[in-house]
Amino acid sequence: MRVSKAISIAAFLLIISGGCYKNEPVPVASFTYKGTNSFKVPCRITFINNSVNAYSWEWNLGDDSTSWAKELEKLYTRPGSYIVTMRAYTQSYKEWASTAQTIVIKDTVK
């Protein structure tokens, strides 16, 4: 009985240490976007996630705002260049990939 219990504990430790995720494919981070108002303020950007082999995502939207959503919308109310980064993680969080794109929001001419 003691050997069986030891084997069960060893299996449990292997699972919680990430042993079940050893064969996870490496993710590929990818996104596209589309904007309203001809990319002039105010501009609502829709981010479309095209990542492969990813379980969760971390976004930095270039203005100190972040999100963990798979896809999202963001309203930009100030003109400028925003570097948007997205990091795609595997289920174990042991592997990740990132990508970045610059979005230019123009001022509205009156």
PDB file of N, CA and C in Angstrom:
ATOM      1  N   MET A   1       0.821  -1.188   0.000  1.00  0.00           N
ATOM      2  CA  MET A   1       0.000   0.000   0.000  1.00  0.00           C
ATOM      3  C   MET A   1       0.867   1.253   0.000  1.00  0.00           C
ATOM      4  N   ARG A   2       1.991   1.192   0.680  1.00  0.00           N
ATOM      5  CA  ARG A   2       2.876   2.336   0.746  1.00  0.00           C
ATOM      6  C   ARG A   2       3.460   2.680  -0.628  1.00  0.00           C
ATOM      7  N   VAL A   3       3.822   1.697  -1.433  1.00  0.00           N
ATOM      8  CA  VAL A   3       4.371   1.920  -2.771  1.00  0.00           C
ATOM      9  C   VAL A   3       3.317   2.568  -3.652  1.00  0.00           C
ATOM     10  N   SER A   4       2.083   2.106  -3.565  1.00  0.00           N
ATOM     11  CA  SER A   4       0.999   2.674  -4.359  1.00  0.00           C
ATOM     12  C   SER A   4       0.777   4.146  -4.023  1.00  0.00           C
ATOM     13  N   LYS A   5       0.821   4.451  -2.735  1.00  0.00           N
ATOM     14  CA  LYS A   5       0.639   5.837  -2.300  1.00  0.00           C
ATOM     15  C   LYS A   5       1.791   6.716  -2.804  1.00  0.00           C
ATOM     16  N   ALA A   6       3.008   6.179  -2.756  1.00  0.00           N
ATOM     17  CA  ALA A   6       4.174   6.931  -3.235  1.00  0.00           C
ATOM     18  C   ALA A   6       4.079   7.186  -4.732  1.00  0.00           C
ATOM     19  N   ILE A   7       3.607   6.190  -5.483  1.00  0.00           N
ATOM     20  CA  ILE A   7       3.440   6.369  -6.921  1.00  0.00           C
ATOM     21  C   ILE A   7       2.375   7.420  -7.206  1.00  0.00           C
ATOM     22  N   SER A   8       1.285   7.411  -6.451  1.00  0.00           N
ATOM     23  CA  SER A   8       0.234   8.412  -6.633  1.00  0.00           C
ATOM     24  C   SER A   8       0.748   9.816  -6.344  1.00  0.00           C
ATOM     25  N   ILE A   9       1.529   9.946  -5.300  1.00  0.00           N
ATOM     26  CA  ILE A   9       2.092  11.264  -4.963  1.00  0.00           C
ATOM     27  C   ILE A   9       3.059  11.716  -6.053  1.00  0.00           C
ATOM     28  N   ALA A  10       3.889  10.808  -6.545  1.00  0.00           N
ATOM     29  CA  ALA A  10       4.832  11.162  -7.615  1.00  0.00           C
ATOM     30  C   ALA A  10       4.095  11.585  -8.879  1.00  0.00           C
ATOM     31  N   ALA A  11       3.026  10.886  -9.229  1.00  0.00           N
ATOM     32  CA  ALA A  11       2.235  11.252 -10.405  1.00  0.00           C
ATOM     33  C   ALA A  11       1.599  12.617 -10.219  1.00  0.00           C
ATOM     34  N   PHE A  12       1.087  12.883  -9.037  1.00  0.00           N
ATOM     35  CA  PHE A  12       0.476  14.177  -8.752  1.00  0.00           C
ATOM     36  C   PHE A  12       1.508  15.294  -8.882  1.00  0.00           C
ATOM     37  N   LEU A  13       2.691  15.097  -8.333  1.00  0.00           N
ATOM     38  CA  LEU A  13       3.736  16.114  -8.426  1.00  0.00           C
ATOM     39  C   LEU A  13       4.162  16.343  -9.866  1.00  0.00           C
ATOM     40  N   LEU A  14       4.206  15.292 -10.652  1.00  0.00           N
ATOM     41  CA  LEU A  14       4.538  15.433 -12.065  1.00  0.00           C
ATOM     42  C   LEU A  14       3.501  16.279 -12.781  1.00  0.00           C
ATOM     43  N   ILE A  15       2.232  16.075 -12.479  1.00  0.00           N
ATOM     44  CA  ILE A  15       1.151  16.830 -13.117  1.00  0.00           C
ATOM     45  C   ILE A  15       1.219  18.298 -12.733  1.00  0.00           C
ATOM     46  N   ILE A  16       1.362  18.607 -11.435  1.00  0.00           N
ATOM     47  CA  ILE A  16       1.339  20.015 -11.036  1.00  0.00           C
ATOM     48  C   ILE A  16       2.627  20.747 -11.405  1.00  0.00           C
ATOM     49  N   SER A  17       3.697  20.009 -11.689  1.00  0.00           N
ATOM     50  CA  SER A  17       4.936  20.676 -12.087  1.00  0.00           C
ATOM     51  C   SER A  17       4.976  20.952 -13.587  1.00  0.00           C
ATOM     52  N   GLY A  18       3.896  20.631 -14.283  1.00  0.00           N
ATOM     53  CA  GLY A  18       3.857  20.912 -15.709  1.00  0.00           C
ATOM     54  C   GLY A  18       4.240  19.728 -16.567  1.00  0.00           C
ATOM     55  N   GLY A  19       4.400  18.564 -15.980  1.00  0.00           N
ATOM     56  CA  GLY A  19       4.799  17.386 -16.729  1.00  0.00           C
ATOM     57  C   GLY A  19       3.821  16.997 -17.813  1.00  0.00           C
ATOM     58  N   CYS A  20       2.573  17.325 -17.668  1.00  0.00           N
ATOM     59  CA  CYS A  20       1.580  16.969 -18.677  1.00  0.00           C
ATOM     60  C   CYS A  20       1.669  17.869 -19.896  1.00  0.00           C
ATOM     61  N   TYR A  21       2.381  18.973 -19.809  1.00  0.00           N
ATOM     62  CA  TYR A  21       2.418  19.940 -20.892  1.00  0.00           C
ATOM     63  C   TYR A  21       3.714  19.884 -21.686  1.00  0.00           C
ATOM     64  N   LYS A  22       4.508  18.835 -21.493  1.00  0.00           N
ATOM     65  CA  LYS A  22       5.819  18.789 -22.142  1.00  0.00           C
ATOM     66  C   LYS A  22       5.731  18.839 -23.664  1.00  0.00           C
ATOM     67  N   ASN A  23       4.662  18.330 -24.228  1.00  0.00           N
ATOM     68  CA  ASN A  23       4.551  18.271 -25.677  1.00  0.00           C
ATOM     69  C   ASN A  23       3.682  19.383 -26.252  1.00  0.00           C
ATOM     70  N   GLU A  24       3.556  20.483 -25.536  1.00  0.00           N
ATOM     71  CA  GLU A  24       2.765  21.600 -26.052  1.00  0.00           C
ATOM     72  C   GLU A  24       3.453  22.208 -27.267  1.00  0.00           C
ATOM     73  N   PRO A  25       2.698  22.469 -28.320  1.00  0.00           N
ATOM     74  CA  PRO A  25       3.304  23.185 -29.449  1.00  0.00           C
ATOM     75  C   PRO A  25       3.561  24.643 -29.074  1.00  0.00           C
ATOM     76  N   VAL A  26       4.602  25.192 -29.617  1.00  0.00           N
ATOM     77  CA  VAL A  26       4.946  26.593 -29.361  1.00  0.00           C
ATOM     78  C   VAL A  26       3.898  27.478 -30.030  1.00  0.00           C
ATOM     79  N   PRO A  27       3.384  28.487 -29.324  1.00  0.00           N
ATOM     80  CA  PRO A  27       2.372  29.338 -29.941  1.00  0.00           C
ATOM     81  C   PRO A  27       2.973  30.294 -30.969  1.00  0.00           C
ATOM     82  N   VAL A  28       2.127  30.749 -31.852  1.00  0.00           N
ATOM     83  CA  VAL A  28       2.475  31.790 -32.817  1.00  0.00           C
ATOM     84  C   VAL A  28       1.519  32.949 -32.554  1.00  0.00           C
ATOM     85  N   ALA A  29       2.060  34.090 -32.175  1.00  0.00           N
ATOM     86  CA  ALA A  29       1.242  35.261 -31.872  1.00  0.00           C
ATOM     87  C   ALA A  29       0.988  36.050 -33.154  1.00  0.00           C
ATOM     88  N   SER A  30      -0.276  36.398 -33.381  1.00  0.00           N
ATOM     89  CA  SER A  30      -0.622  37.138 -34.588  1.00  0.00           C
ATOM     90  C   SER A  30      -1.957  37.839 -34.385  1.00  0.00           C
ATOM     91  N   PHE A  31      -2.056  39.080 -34.864  1.00  0.00           N
ATOM     92  CA  PHE A  31      -3.336  39.778 -34.837  1.00  0.00           C
ATOM     93  C   PHE A  31      -3.433  40.767 -35.982  1.00  0.00           C
ATOM     94  N   THR A  32      -4.660  41.071 -36.353  1.00  0.00           N
ATOM     95  CA  THR A  32      -4.952  42.128 -37.303  1.00  0.00           C
ATOM     96  C   THR A  32      -5.885  43.095 -36.603  1.00  0.00           C
ATOM     97  N   TYR A  33      -6.139  44.229 -37.228  1.00  0.00           N
ATOM     98  CA  TYR A  33      -7.042  45.204 -36.626  1.00  0.00           C
ATOM     99  C   TYR A  33      -7.770  45.970 -37.712  1.00  0.00           C
ATOM    100  N   LYS A  34      -8.895  46.534 -37.318  1.00  0.00           N
ATOM    101  CA  LYS A  34      -9.629  47.435 -38.212  1.00  0.00           C
ATOM    102  C   LYS A  34     -10.150  48.588 -37.364  1.00  0.00           C
ATOM    103  N   GLY A  35     -10.248  49.755 -38.004  1.00  0.00           N
ATOM    104  CA  GLY A  35     -10.634  50.951 -37.264  1.00  0.00           C
ATOM    105  C   GLY A  35     -11.787  51.694 -37.907  1.00  0.00           C
ATOM    106  N   THR A  36     -12.467  52.464 -37.079  1.00  0.00           N
ATOM    107  CA  THR A  36     -13.570  53.291 -37.553  1.00  0.00           C
ATOM    108  C   THR A  36     -13.079  54.715 -37.816  1.00  0.00           C
ATOM    109  N   ASN A  37     -13.927  55.525 -38.399  1.00  0.00           N
ATOM    110  CA  ASN A  37     -13.690  56.963 -38.558  1.00  0.00           C
ATOM    111  C   ASN A  37     -12.395  57.261 -39.326  1.00  0.00           C
ATOM    112  N   SER A  38     -12.034  56.407 -40.275  1.00  0.00           N
ATOM    113  CA  SER A  38     -10.815  56.588 -41.081  1.00  0.00           C
ATOM    114  C   SER A  38      -9.568  56.771 -40.214  1.00  0.00           C
ATOM    115  N   PHE A  39      -9.550  56.121 -39.064  1.00  0.00           N
ATOM    116  CA  PHE A  39      -8.445  56.183 -38.100  1.00  0.00           C
ATOM    117  C   PHE A  39      -8.209  57.598 -37.574  1.00  0.00           C
ATOM    118  N   LYS A  40      -9.289  58.386 -37.493  1.00  0.00           N
ATOM    119  CA  LYS A  40      -9.228  59.711 -36.875  1.00  0.00           C
ATOM    120  C   LYS A  40      -9.951  59.654 -35.538  1.00  0.00           C
ATOM    121  N   VAL A  41      -9.508  60.497 -34.577  1.00  0.00           N
ATOM    122  CA  VAL A  41     -10.153  60.500 -33.257  1.00  0.00           C
ATOM    123  C   VAL A  41     -11.588  61.004 -33.364  1.00  0.00           C
ATOM    124  N   PRO A  42     -12.496  60.452 -32.616  1.00  0.00           N
ATOM    125  CA  PRO A  42     -12.352  59.218 -31.839  1.00  0.00           C
ATOM    126  C   PRO A  42     -12.409  58.010 -32.771  1.00  0.00           C
ATOM    127  N   CYS A  43     -11.559  57.043 -32.507  1.00  0.00           N
ATOM    128  CA  CYS A  43     -11.451  55.862 -33.374  1.00  0.00           C
ATOM    129  C   CYS A  43     -11.580  54.596 -32.538  1.00  0.00           C
ATOM    130  N   ARG A  44     -12.519  53.751 -32.918  1.00  0.00           N
ATOM    131  CA  ARG A  44     -12.687  52.462 -32.246  1.00  0.00           C
ATOM    132  C   ARG A  44     -11.952  51.407 -33.071  1.00  0.00           C
ATOM    133  N   ILE A  45     -10.966  50.782 -32.438  1.00  0.00           N
ATOM    134  CA  ILE A  45     -10.170  49.737 -33.083  1.00  0.00           C
ATOM    135  C   ILE A  45     -10.662  48.379 -32.598  1.00  0.00           C
ATOM    136  N   THR A  46     -10.897  47.482 -33.531  1.00  0.00           N
ATOM    137  CA  THR A  46     -11.220  46.091 -33.217  1.00  0.00           C
ATOM    138  C   THR A  46      -9.982  45.257 -33.500  1.00  0.00           C
ATOM    139  N   PHE A  47      -9.513  44.534 -32.493  1.00  0.00           N
ATOM    140  CA  PHE A  47      -8.343  43.670 -32.625  1.00  0.00           C
ATOM    141  C   PHE A  47      -8.812  42.237 -32.834  1.00  0.00           C
ATOM    142  N   ILE A  48      -8.360  41.626 -33.910  1.00  0.00           N
ATOM    143  CA  ILE A  48      -8.737  40.261 -34.265  1.00  0.00           C
ATOM    144  C   ILE A  48      -7.539  39.352 -34.012  1.00  0.00           C
ATOM    145  N   ASN A  49      -7.719  38.394 -33.139  1.00  0.00           N
ATOM    146  CA  ASN A  49      -6.658  37.478 -32.742  1.00  0.00           C
ATOM    147  C   ASN A  49      -6.544  36.348 -33.764  1.00  0.00           C
ATOM    148  N   ASN A  50      -5.374  36.207 -34.358  1.00  0.00           N
ATOM    149  CA  ASN A  50      -5.110  35.133 -35.329  1.00  0.00           C
ATOM    150  C   ASN A  50      -4.044  34.170 -34.822  1.00  0.00           C
ATOM    151  N   SER A  51      -3.812  34.148 -33.527  1.00  0.00           N
ATOM    152  CA  SER A  51      -2.767  33.308 -32.948  1.00  0.00           C
ATOM    153  C   SER A  51      -3.078  31.827 -33.131  1.00  0.00           C
ATOM    154  N   VAL A  52      -2.014  31.040 -33.122  1.00  0.00           N
ATOM    155  CA  VAL A  52      -2.128  29.590 -33.273  1.00  0.00           C
ATOM    156  C   VAL A  52      -1.469  28.930 -32.054  1.00  0.00           C
ATOM    157  N   ASN A  53      -2.070  27.856 -31.576  1.00  0.00           N
ATOM    158  CA  ASN A  53      -1.546  27.076 -30.443  1.00  0.00           C
ATOM    159  C   ASN A  53      -1.461  27.892 -29.155  1.00  0.00           C
ATOM    160  N   ALA A  54      -2.347  28.848 -28.978  1.00  0.00           N
ATOM    161  CA  ALA A  54      -2.332  29.684 -27.778  1.00  0.00           C
ATOM    162  C   ALA A  54      -3.554  29.393 -26.913  1.00  0.00           C
ATOM    163  N   TYR A  55      -3.358  29.527 -25.612  1.00  0.00           N
ATOM    164  CA  TYR A  55      -4.408  29.271 -24.625  1.00  0.00           C
ATOM    165  C   TYR A  55      -4.892  30.570 -23.972  1.00  0.00           C
ATOM    166  N   SER A  56      -3.994  31.543 -23.832  1.00  0.00           N
ATOM    167  CA  SER A  56      -4.374  32.839 -23.270  1.00  0.00           C
ATOM    168  C   SER A  56      -3.516  33.930 -23.900  1.00  0.00           C
ATOM    169  N   TRP A  57      -3.956  35.169 -23.728  1.00  0.00           N
ATOM    170  CA  TRP A  57      -3.338  36.297 -24.416  1.00  0.00           C
ATOM    171  C   TRP A  57      -3.218  37.471 -23.470  1.00  0.00           C
ATOM    172  N   GLU A  58      -2.144  38.223 -23.649  1.00  0.00           N
ATOM    173  CA  GLU A  58      -1.923  39.445 -22.874  1.00  0.00           C
ATOM    174  C   GLU A  58      -1.675  40.582 -23.861  1.00  0.00           C
ATOM    175  N   TRP A  59      -2.500  41.606 -23.766  1.00  0.00           N
ATOM    176  CA  TRP A  59      -2.404  42.743 -24.675  1.00  0.00           C
ATOM    177  C   TRP A  59      -1.897  43.971 -23.921  1.00  0.00           C
ATOM    178  N   ASN A  60      -1.047  44.754 -24.581  1.00  0.00           N
ATOM    179  CA  ASN A  60      -0.699  46.096 -24.137  1.00  0.00           C
ATOM    180  C   ASN A  60      -1.112  47.000 -25.290  1.00  0.00           C
ATOM    181  N   LEU A  61      -2.030  47.920 -25.023  1.00  0.00           N
ATOM    182  CA  LEU A  61      -2.661  48.680 -26.097  1.00  0.00           C
ATOM    183  C   LEU A  61      -1.973  50.013 -26.412  1.00  0.00           C
ATOM    184  N   GLY A  62      -0.763  50.201 -25.909  1.00  0.00           N
ATOM    185  CA  GLY A  62       0.047  51.347 -26.290  1.00  0.00           C
ATOM    186  C   GLY A  62      -0.244  52.620 -25.538  1.00  0.00           C
ATOM    187  N   ASP A  63      -1.220  52.579 -24.624  1.00  0.00           N
ATOM    188  CA  ASP A  63      -1.565  53.778 -23.846  1.00  0.00           C
ATOM    189  C   ASP A  63      -1.663  53.447 -22.357  1.00  0.00           C
ATOM    190  N   ASP A  64      -0.891  52.479 -21.934  1.00  0.00           N
ATOM    191  CA  ASP A  64      -0.870  51.978 -20.551  1.00  0.00           C
ATOM    192  C   ASP A  64      -2.087  51.149 -20.179  1.00  0.00           C
ATOM    193  N   SER A  65      -2.962  50.848 -21.125  1.00  0.00           N
ATOM    194  CA  SER A  65      -4.068  49.945 -20.815  1.00  0.00           C
ATOM    195  C   SER A  65      -3.708  48.539 -21.295  1.00  0.00           C
ATOM    196  N   THR A  66      -4.234  47.539 -20.583  1.00  0.00           N
ATOM    197  CA  THR A  66      -3.939  46.149 -20.894  1.00  0.00           C
ATOM    198  C   THR A  66      -5.227  45.338 -20.884  1.00  0.00           C
ATOM    199  N   SER A  67      -5.131  44.125 -21.429  1.00  0.00           N
ATOM    200  CA  SER A  67      -6.278  43.224 -21.440  1.00  0.00           C
ATOM    201  C   SER A  67      -5.781  41.794 -21.557  1.00  0.00           C
ATOM    202  N   TRP A  68      -6.583  40.860 -21.040  1.00  0.00           N
ATOM    203  CA  TRP A  68      -6.316  39.426 -21.183  1.00  0.00           C
ATOM    204  C   TRP A  68      -7.372  38.773 -22.068  1.00  0.00           C
ATOM    205  N   ALA A  69      -8.161  39.567 -22.762  1.00  0.00           N
ATOM    206  CA  ALA A  69      -9.216  39.032 -23.624  1.00  0.00           C
ATOM    207  C   ALA A  69      -8.609  38.399 -24.878  1.00  0.00           C
ATOM    208  N   LYS A  70      -9.344  37.480 -25.465  1.00  0.00           N
ATOM    209  CA  LYS A  70      -8.879  36.866 -26.709  1.00  0.00           C
ATOM    210  C   LYS A  70      -8.925  37.880 -27.848  1.00  0.00           C
ATOM    211  N   GLU A  71     -10.023  38.589 -27.959  1.00  0.00           N
ATOM    212  CA  GLU A  71     -10.200  39.670 -28.935  1.00  0.00           C
ATOM    213  C   GLU A  71     -10.835  40.837 -28.208  1.00  0.00           C
ATOM    214  N   LEU A  72     -10.636  42.038 -28.699  1.00  0.00           N
ATOM    215  CA  LEU A  72     -11.181  43.177 -27.979  1.00  0.00           C
ATOM    216  C   LEU A  72     -11.360  44.384 -28.884  1.00  0.00           C
ATOM    217  N   GLU A  73     -12.044  45.371 -28.335  1.00  0.00           N
ATOM    218  CA  GLU A  73     -12.189  46.683 -28.970  1.00  0.00           C
ATOM    219  C   GLU A  73     -11.624  47.729 -28.028  1.00  0.00           C
ATOM    220  N   LYS A  74     -11.076  48.778 -28.608  1.00  0.00           N
ATOM    221  CA  LYS A  74     -10.494  49.859 -27.826  1.00  0.00           C
ATOM    222  C   LYS A  74     -10.830  51.177 -28.500  1.00  0.00           C
ATOM    223  N   LEU A  75     -11.314  52.136 -27.730  1.00  0.00           N
ATOM    224  CA  LEU A  75     -11.607  53.475 -28.242  1.00  0.00           C
ATOM    225  C   LEU A  75     -10.415  54.379 -27.945  1.00  0.00           C
ATOM    226  N   TYR A  76      -9.798  54.887 -29.011  1.00  0.00           N
ATOM    227  CA  TYR A  76      -8.695  55.835 -28.871  1.00  0.00           C
ATOM    228  C   TYR A  76      -9.262  57.237 -29.067  1.00  0.00           C
ATOM    229  N   THR A  77      -9.031  58.096 -28.102  1.00  0.00           N
ATOM    230  CA  THR A  77      -9.590  59.453 -28.140  1.00  0.00           C
ATOM    231  C   THR A  77      -8.532  60.535 -28.329  1.00  0.00           C
ATOM    232  N   ARG A  78      -7.276  60.126 -28.426  1.00  0.00           N
ATOM    233  CA  ARG A  78      -6.187  61.085 -28.643  1.00  0.00           C
ATOM    234  C   ARG A  78      -5.372  60.656 -29.861  1.00  0.00           C
ATOM    235  N   PRO A  79      -4.973  61.608 -30.682  1.00  0.00           N
ATOM    236  CA  PRO A  79      -4.137  61.250 -31.828  1.00  0.00           C
ATOM    237  C   PRO A  79      -2.752  60.802 -31.360  1.00  0.00           C
ATOM    238  N   GLY A  80      -2.112  59.990 -32.176  1.00  0.00           N
ATOM    239  CA  GLY A  80      -0.762  59.555 -31.851  1.00  0.00           C
ATOM    240  C   GLY A  80      -0.459  58.190 -32.428  1.00  0.00           C
ATOM    241  N   SER A  81       0.780  57.768 -32.214  1.00  0.00           N
ATOM    242  CA  SER A  81       1.219  56.434 -32.621  1.00  0.00           C
ATOM    243  C   SER A  81       1.192  55.539 -31.389  1.00  0.00           C
ATOM    244  N   TYR A  82       0.518  54.411 -31.507  1.00  0.00           N
ATOM    245  CA  TYR A  82       0.370  53.483 -30.399  1.00  0.00           C
ATOM    246  C   TYR A  82       0.992  52.146 -30.804  1.00  0.00           C
ATOM    247  N   ILE A  83       1.960  51.680 -30.026  1.00  0.00           N
ATOM    248  CA  ILE A  83       2.555  50.372 -30.267  1.00  0.00           C
ATOM    249  C   ILE A  83       1.749  49.359 -29.466  1.00  0.00           C
ATOM    250  N   VAL A  84       1.023  48.513 -30.178  1.00  0.00           N
ATOM    251  CA  VAL A  84       0.176  47.498 -29.554  1.00  0.00           C
ATOM    252  C   VAL A  84       0.924  46.179 -29.592  1.00  0.00           C
ATOM    253  N   THR A  85       1.085  45.570 -28.424  1.00  0.00           N
ATOM    254  CA  THR A  85       1.746  44.277 -28.344  1.00  0.00           C
ATOM    255  C   THR A  85       0.777  43.225 -27.822  1.00  0.00           C
ATOM    256  N   MET A  86       0.950  42.030 -28.321  1.00  0.00           N
ATOM    257  CA  MET A  86       0.145  40.902 -27.863  1.00  0.00           C
ATOM    258  C   MET A  86       1.083  39.727 -27.616  1.00  0.00           C
ATOM    259  N   ARG A  87       0.933  39.128 -26.446  1.00  0.00           N
ATOM    260  CA  ARG A  87       1.712  37.946 -26.095  1.00  0.00           C
ATOM    261  C   ARG A  87       0.752  36.774 -25.992  1.00  0.00           C
ATOM    262  N   ALA A  88       1.075  35.677 -26.677  1.00  0.00           N
ATOM    263  CA  ALA A  88       0.248  34.470 -26.670  1.00  0.00           C
ATOM    264  C   ALA A  88       0.958  33.396 -25.843  1.00  0.00           C
ATOM    265  N   TYR A  89       0.211  32.782 -24.923  1.00  0.00           N
ATOM    266  CA  TYR A  89       0.769  31.781 -24.007  1.00  0.00           C
ATOM    267  C   TYR A  89       0.169  30.404 -24.255  1.00  0.00           C
ATOM    268  N   THR A  90       0.959  29.375 -23.960  1.00  0.00           N
ATOM    269  CA  THR A  90       0.425  28.015 -23.939  1.00  0.00           C
ATOM    270  C   THR A  90      -0.344  27.818 -22.633  1.00  0.00           C
ATOM    271  N   GLN A  91      -1.011  26.689 -22.506  1.00  0.00           N
ATOM    272  CA  GLN A  91      -1.804  26.422 -21.309  1.00  0.00           C
ATOM    273  C   GLN A  91      -0.934  26.383 -20.056  1.00  0.00           C
ATOM    274  N   SER A  92       0.274  25.905 -20.160  1.00  0.00           N
ATOM    275  CA  SER A  92       1.164  25.823 -18.994  1.00  0.00           C
ATOM    276  C   SER A  92       1.882  27.143 -18.715  1.00  0.00           C
ATOM    277  N   TYR A  93       1.802  28.096 -19.621  1.00  0.00           N
ATOM    278  CA  TYR A  93       2.510  29.379 -19.549  1.00  0.00           C
ATOM    279  C   TYR A  93       4.022  29.209 -19.636  1.00  0.00           C
ATOM    280  N   LYS A  94       4.486  28.023 -20.026  1.00  0.00           N
ATOM    281  CA  LYS A  94       5.926  27.801 -20.152  1.00  0.00           C
ATOM    282  C   LYS A  94       6.461  28.270 -21.502  1.00  0.00           C
ATOM    283  N   GLU A  95       5.588  28.345 -22.480  1.00  0.00           N
ATOM    284  CA  GLU A  95       5.979  28.816 -23.809  1.00  0.00           C
ATOM    285  C   GLU A  95       5.118  30.021 -24.161  1.00  0.00           C
ATOM    286  N   TRP A  96       5.708  30.986 -24.838  1.00  0.00           N
ATOM    287  CA  TRP A  96       4.942  32.148 -25.286  1.00  0.00           C
ATOM    288  C   TRP A  96       5.625  32.748 -26.511  1.00  0.00           C
ATOM    289  N   ALA A  97       4.845  33.551 -27.210  1.00  0.00           N
ATOM    290  CA  ALA A  97       5.353  34.287 -28.371  1.00  0.00           C
ATOM    291  C   ALA A  97       4.697  35.663 -28.349  1.00  0.00           C
ATOM    292  N   SER A  98       5.330  36.639 -28.943  1.00  0.00           N
ATOM    293  CA  SER A  98       4.741  37.973 -28.963  1.00  0.00           C
ATOM    294  C   SER A  98       4.877  38.604 -30.343  1.00  0.00           C
ATOM    295  N   THR A  99       4.029  39.579 -30.565  1.00  0.00           N
ATOM    296  CA  THR A  99       4.061  40.345 -31.801  1.00  0.00           C
ATOM    297  C   THR A  99       3.630  41.777 -31.464  1.00  0.00           C
ATOM    298  N   ALA A 100       4.000  42.715 -32.306  1.00  0.00           N
ATOM    299  CA  ALA A 100       3.641  44.117 -32.082  1.00  0.00           C
ATOM    300  C   ALA A 100       3.359  44.798 -33.418  1.00  0.00           C
ATOM    301  N   GLN A 101       2.451  45.763 -33.366  1.00  0.00           N
ATOM    302  CA  GLN A 101       2.140  46.586 -34.529  1.00  0.00           C
ATOM    303  C   GLN A 101       1.924  48.020 -34.055  1.00  0.00           C
ATOM    304  N   THR A 102       2.262  48.960 -34.904  1.00  0.00           N
ATOM    305  CA  THR A 102       2.037  50.369 -34.596  1.00  0.00           C
ATOM    306  C   THR A 102       0.756  50.837 -35.275  1.00  0.00           C
ATOM    307  N   ILE A 103      -0.109  51.446 -34.475  1.00  0.00           N
ATOM    308  CA  ILE A 103      -1.363  51.999 -34.981  1.00  0.00           C
ATOM    309  C   ILE A 103      -1.264  53.516 -34.892  1.00  0.00           C
ATOM    310  N   VAL A 104      -1.544  54.192 -35.985  1.00  0.00           N
ATOM    311  CA  VAL A 104      -1.494  55.654 -36.014  1.00  0.00           C
ATOM    312  C   VAL A 104      -2.924  56.180 -36.044  1.00  0.00           C
ATOM    313  N   ILE A 105      -3.258  56.959 -35.027  1.00  0.00           N
ATOM    314  CA  ILE A 105      -4.557  57.600 -34.924  1.00  0.00           C
ATOM    315  C   ILE A 105      -4.349  59.089 -35.242  1.00  0.00           C
ATOM    316  N   LYS A 106      -5.081  59.575 -36.220  1.00  0.00           N
ATOM    317  CA  LYS A 106      -4.903  60.955 -36.686  1.00  0.00           C
ATOM    318  C   LYS A 106      -5.845  61.899 -35.954  1.00  0.00           C
ATOM    319  N   ASP A 107      -5.446  63.150 -35.929  1.00  0.00           N
ATOM    320  CA  ASP A 107      -6.281  64.198 -35.349  1.00  0.00           C
ATOM    321  C   ASP A 107      -7.424  64.525 -36.325  1.00  0.00           C
ATOM    322  N   THR A 108      -8.538  64.916 -35.773  1.00  0.00           N
ATOM    323  CA  THR A 108      -9.646  65.328 -36.598  1.00  0.00           C
ATOM    324  C   THR A 108      -9.449  66.792 -36.980  1.00  0.00           C
ATOM    325  N   VAL A 109      -9.415  67.080 -38.281  1.00  0.00           N
ATOM    326  CA  VAL A 109      -9.224  68.451 -38.752  1.00  0.00           C
ATOM    327  C   VAL A 109     -10.582  69.123 -38.789  1.00  0.00           C
ATOM    328  N   LYS A 110     -10.683  70.315 -38.161  1.00  0.00           N
ATOM    329  CA  LYS A 110     -11.948  71.046 -38.159  1.00  0.00           C
ATOM    330  C   LYS A 110     -11.833  72.316 -38.960  1.00  0.00           C
TER     331      LYS A 110
END
